[in-house]
Amino acid sequence: MDELRGKQDLLVTLGGDNAITYSVGKGLWADEIGKAGLITIDAHHDIREGISNGSPVRRLIAAGLQGTHIVQIGISDYANSPEYAKRVKEYGITVITRAEMRNRSLEDIMAQALEIAGASGGDIHYDLDMDVCDRTVAPACPAATPGGLSADEVRELTFLATSHASVTSMDITEIDATIDSTDERTIRLGALCVLEAAAGVASR
């Protein structure tokens, strides 16, 4: 990561599971992690104990990322325990639930997220966990549930985030290509999100 730090307009990393969010953020931010920001598009808080795809946000906070510089968008109503919801509040993380998203424009949501994540002027990482999608949209995401985001919403959020110059890295995670539908709809959506990111950078 040393040779990439500060040189890329947007580094795109592909998973695999969501554990890569920790590796990318920690590697790119180095000593600047206290100023960095994180925007997650995810059904889950990812603050479990241990080292797994359910712990990257907690691990980044332990490494120095400020909870007040983290925004989580699309959190599912029945997919997170009360214990984790309480911990998120203690960390100072801003949460925009799936239910809240129904009454707000995506432009407004992303503008708020960028303002919070970029409050200290550091680089922002955009974490797109594809299990935020409705299960019909992303059958190759084992943790996706009914009622998640649509393909269009995920694509638009990705474009809006990457249009901002402070977003210098992103990941797309939680796609298991071996269990995708015959029309490969999950893989195709992931690929379209890469194209949306490229378009976002081009629009800066």
Protein backbone atom coordinates (compact mmCIF):
# COMPACT_ATOMS: atom_id res chain seq x y z
CA MET A 1 0.00 0.00 0.00
CA ASP A 2 2.91 2.37 0.54
CA GLU A 3 3.48 2.85 -3.18
CA LEU A 4 -0.23 3.66 -3.73
CA ARG A 5 -0.73 6.05 -0.83
CA GLY A 6 -1.61 9.55 -2.06
CA LYS A 7 -1.11 8.67 -5.74
CA GLN A 8 -4.42 7.17 -6.81
CA ASP A 9 -7.58 9.03 -7.74
CA LEU A 10 -9.54 5.97 -6.63
CA LEU A 11 -8.25 2.58 -5.56
CA VAL A 12 -10.87 -0.14 -6.13
CA THR A 13 -10.50 -3.43 -4.27
CA LEU A 14 -12.70 -6.48 -4.78
CA GLY A 15 -13.67 -9.18 -2.30
CA GLY A 16 -14.04 -11.75 -1.04
CA ASP A 17 -15.42 -11.00 2.32
CA ASN A 18 -15.74 -7.67 4.09
CA ALA A 19 -12.55 -8.19 6.11
CA ILE A 20 -10.62 -6.48 3.30
CA THR A 21 -12.07 -3.14 4.39
CA TYR A 22 -9.76 -3.16 7.39
CA SER A 23 -6.67 -4.04 5.36
CA VAL A 24 -7.30 -1.37 2.74
CA GLY A 25 -8.11 1.37 5.21
CA LYS A 26 -5.26 0.59 7.58
CA GLY A 27 -2.78 0.27 4.71
CA LEU A 28 -3.72 3.47 2.92
CA TRP A 29 -4.28 5.74 5.89
CA ALA A 30 -1.21 4.80 7.95
CA ASP A 31 -0.49 7.67 10.36
CA GLU A 32 -3.42 9.72 8.99
CA ILE A 33 -6.10 7.30 10.22
CA GLY A 34 -7.28 9.77 12.85
CA LYS A 35 -8.35 12.18 10.11
CA ALA A 36 -9.77 9.57 7.74
CA GLY A 37 -13.44 8.83 7.12
CA LEU A 38 -15.45 5.73 6.29
CA ILE A 39 -18.79 5.40 4.50
CA THR A 40 -20.27 1.90 4.55
CA ILE A 41 -23.17 0.75 2.41
CA ASP A 42 -24.06 -2.33 4.40
CA ALA A 43 -26.89 -4.20 6.06
CA HIS A 44 -24.68 -4.84 9.10
CA HIS A 45 -22.66 -2.77 11.58
CA ASP A 46 -19.54 -5.00 11.30
CA ILE A 47 -18.34 -4.34 14.85
CA ARG A 48 -18.12 -7.92 16.12
CA GLU A 49 -15.25 -9.10 18.27
CA GLY A 50 -12.39 -11.06 16.71
CA ILE A 51 -11.12 -11.00 13.14
CA SER A 52 -13.73 -11.80 10.51
CA ASN A 53 -15.94 -10.30 7.83
CA GLY A 54 -18.10 -9.02 10.69
CA SER A 55 -15.41 -6.98 12.44
CA PRO A 56 -13.65 -4.54 10.04
CA VAL A 57 -15.30 -1.39 11.40
CA ARG A 58 -14.47 -2.25 15.00
CA ARG A 59 -10.89 -3.10 14.02
CA LEU A 60 -10.44 0.22 12.21
CA ILE A 61 -11.74 2.07 15.26
CA ALA A 62 -9.28 0.14 17.43
CA ALA A 63 -6.53 1.22 15.01
CA GLY A 64 -7.41 4.91 15.43
CA LEU A 65 -10.32 5.69 13.08
CA GLN A 66 -12.73 8.06 14.82
CA GLY A 67 -16.26 6.70 15.19
CA THR A 68 -17.57 10.21 14.54
CA HIS A 69 -16.04 10.00 11.05
CA ILE A 70 -18.03 6.86 10.14
CA VAL A 71 -21.41 6.78 8.38
CA GLN A 72 -23.31 3.54 7.84
CA ILE A 73 -26.02 3.57 5.17
CA GLY A 74 -28.63 0.87 4.56
CA ILE A 75 -28.42 -0.86 7.94
CA SER A 76 -31.11 -3.54 8.09
CA ASP A 77 -33.76 -3.46 10.78
CA TYR A 78 -33.69 -7.13 11.81
CA ALA A 79 -30.11 -8.09 10.93
CA ASN A 80 -28.24 -6.55 13.89
CA SER A 81 -28.41 -7.27 17.60
CA PRO A 82 -29.36 -4.59 20.17
CA GLU A 83 -25.89 -5.02 21.69
CA TYR A 84 -24.21 -3.93 18.45
CA ALA A 85 -26.66 -1.06 17.96
CA LYS A 86 -25.78 0.19 21.44
CA ARG A 87 -22.06 -0.10 20.74
CA VAL A 88 -22.42 1.87 17.50
CA LYS A 89 -24.00 4.73 19.45
CA GLU A 90 -21.16 4.63 21.96
CA TYR A 91 -18.65 4.90 19.11
CA GLY A 92 -20.46 7.96 17.74
CA ILE A 93 -21.16 6.33 14.38
CA THR A 94 -23.88 7.92 12.23
CA VAL A 95 -26.41 5.32 11.08
CA ILE A 96 -28.89 5.83 8.24
CA THR A 97 -31.17 2.81 8.26
CA ARG A 98 -32.97 1.23 5.35
CA ALA A 99 -36.24 2.51 6.82
CA GLU A 100 -34.94 6.10 6.96
CA MET A 101 -33.78 5.89 3.36
CA ARG A 102 -37.35 5.48 2.14
CA ASN A 103 -38.12 9.11 3.01
CA ARG A 104 -34.92 10.81 1.82
CA SER A 105 -33.23 11.32 -1.51
CA LEU A 106 -29.98 9.48 -2.14
CA GLU A 107 -28.32 12.81 -2.98
CA ASP A 108 -29.23 14.17 0.46
CA ILE A 109 -28.06 11.02 2.22
CA MET A 110 -24.70 10.94 0.46
CA ALA A 111 -24.14 14.67 0.98
CA GLN A 112 -24.61 14.16 4.72
CA ALA A 113 -22.33 11.13 4.71
CA LEU A 114 -19.54 12.94 2.86
CA GLU A 115 -19.75 15.91 5.20
CA ILE A 116 -19.47 13.74 8.31
CA ALA A 117 -16.81 11.35 6.99
CA GLY A 118 -14.74 14.23 5.63
CA ALA A 119 -15.04 16.47 8.68
CA SER A 120 -11.31 16.39 9.43
CA GLY A 121 -10.21 16.79 5.82
CA GLY A 122 -8.78 13.29 5.49
CA ASP A 123 -9.30 10.66 2.81
CA ILE A 124 -12.58 8.74 2.76
CA HIS A 125 -12.99 5.03 2.07
CA TYR A 126 -16.26 3.83 0.50
CA ASP A 127 -17.18 0.30 1.59
CA LEU A 128 -19.87 -1.38 -0.54
CA ASP A 129 -20.97 -4.64 1.06
CA MET A 130 -23.27 -6.18 -1.51
CA ASP A 131 -25.40 -7.90 1.12
CA VAL A 132 -27.05 -4.49 1.54
CA CYS A 133 -28.98 -5.41 -1.61
CA ASP A 134 -32.35 -7.10 -1.74
CA ARG A 135 -31.86 -10.84 -2.04
CA THR A 136 -33.53 -10.92 -5.45
CA VAL A 137 -30.87 -8.49 -6.69
CA ALA A 138 -27.87 -10.22 -5.14
CA PRO A 139 -28.43 -13.96 -4.71
CA ALA A 140 -24.65 -14.51 -4.50
CA CYS A 141 -24.53 -12.64 -1.17
CA PRO A 142 -25.30 -15.19 1.55
CA ALA A 143 -26.35 -12.56 4.11
CA ALA A 144 -28.63 -10.53 1.81
CA THR A 145 -32.23 -10.36 3.00
CA PRO A 146 -35.58 -9.38 1.49
CA GLY A 147 -36.17 -5.62 1.64
CA GLY A 148 -32.62 -4.52 0.90
CA LEU A 149 -31.51 -1.85 -1.57
CA SER A 150 -32.29 -2.07 -5.26
CA ALA A 151 -29.63 -2.37 -7.94
CA ASP A 152 -30.34 1.18 -9.06
CA GLU A 153 -29.95 2.56 -5.52
CA VAL A 154 -26.61 0.85 -5.03
CA ARG A 155 -25.36 2.09 -8.40
CA GLU A 156 -26.45 5.67 -7.70
CA LEU A 157 -24.91 5.71 -4.22
CA THR A 158 -21.65 4.48 -5.70
CA PHE A 159 -21.61 7.21 -8.34
CA LEU A 160 -22.48 9.91 -5.81
CA ALA A 161 -19.73 8.80 -3.42
CA THR A 162 -16.97 8.46 -5.98
CA SER A 163 -17.83 11.80 -7.57
CA HIS A 164 -16.30 13.41 -4.47
CA ALA A 165 -12.53 13.96 -4.59
CA SER A 166 -12.10 13.02 -0.92
CA VAL A 167 -13.18 9.45 -1.69
CA THR A 168 -9.85 7.90 -2.66
CA SER A 169 -10.56 4.20 -2.14
CA MET A 170 -13.45 1.77 -2.21
CA ASP A 171 -14.18 -1.90 -1.93
CA ILE A 172 -16.92 -4.18 -3.24
CA THR A 173 -17.34 -7.24 -1.03
CA GLU A 174 -19.39 -10.28 -0.03
CA ILE A 175 -19.99 -11.74 -3.48
CA ASP A 176 -19.66 -15.52 -3.69
CA ALA A 177 -19.55 -16.09 -7.44
CA THR A 178 -20.00 -19.85 -7.02
CA ILE A 179 -23.59 -19.43 -5.83
CA ASP A 180 -24.76 -16.70 -8.19
CA SER A 181 -27.88 -17.13 -10.31
CA THR A 182 -27.54 -18.52 -13.83
CA ASP A 183 -27.82 -15.00 -15.25
CA GLU A 184 -24.93 -13.88 -12.99
CA ARG A 185 -26.93 -10.89 -11.77
CA THR A 186 -24.79 -10.32 -8.65
CA ILE A 187 -21.52 -10.38 -10.55
CA ARG A 188 -22.97 -8.10 -13.21
CA LEU A 189 -24.13 -5.63 -10.55
CA GLY A 190 -20.67 -5.63 -8.98
CA ALA A 191 -19.14 -4.92 -12.39
CA LEU A 192 -21.61 -2.10 -13.00
CA CYS A 193 -20.65 -0.56 -9.67
CA VAL A 194 -17.02 -0.52 -10.82
CA LEU A 195 -18.17 1.34 -13.94
CA GLU A 196 -20.22 3.73 -11.80
CA ALA A 197 -17.09 4.42 -9.75
CA ALA A 198 -15.11 5.14 -12.91
CA ALA A 199 -17.86 7.49 -14.05
CA GLY A 200 -17.86 9.16 -10.67
CA VAL A 201 -14.14 9.86 -10.85
CA ALA A 202 -14.50 11.14 -14.40
CA SER A 203 -17.17 13.61 -13.27
CA ARG A 204 -14.95 15.31 -10.68
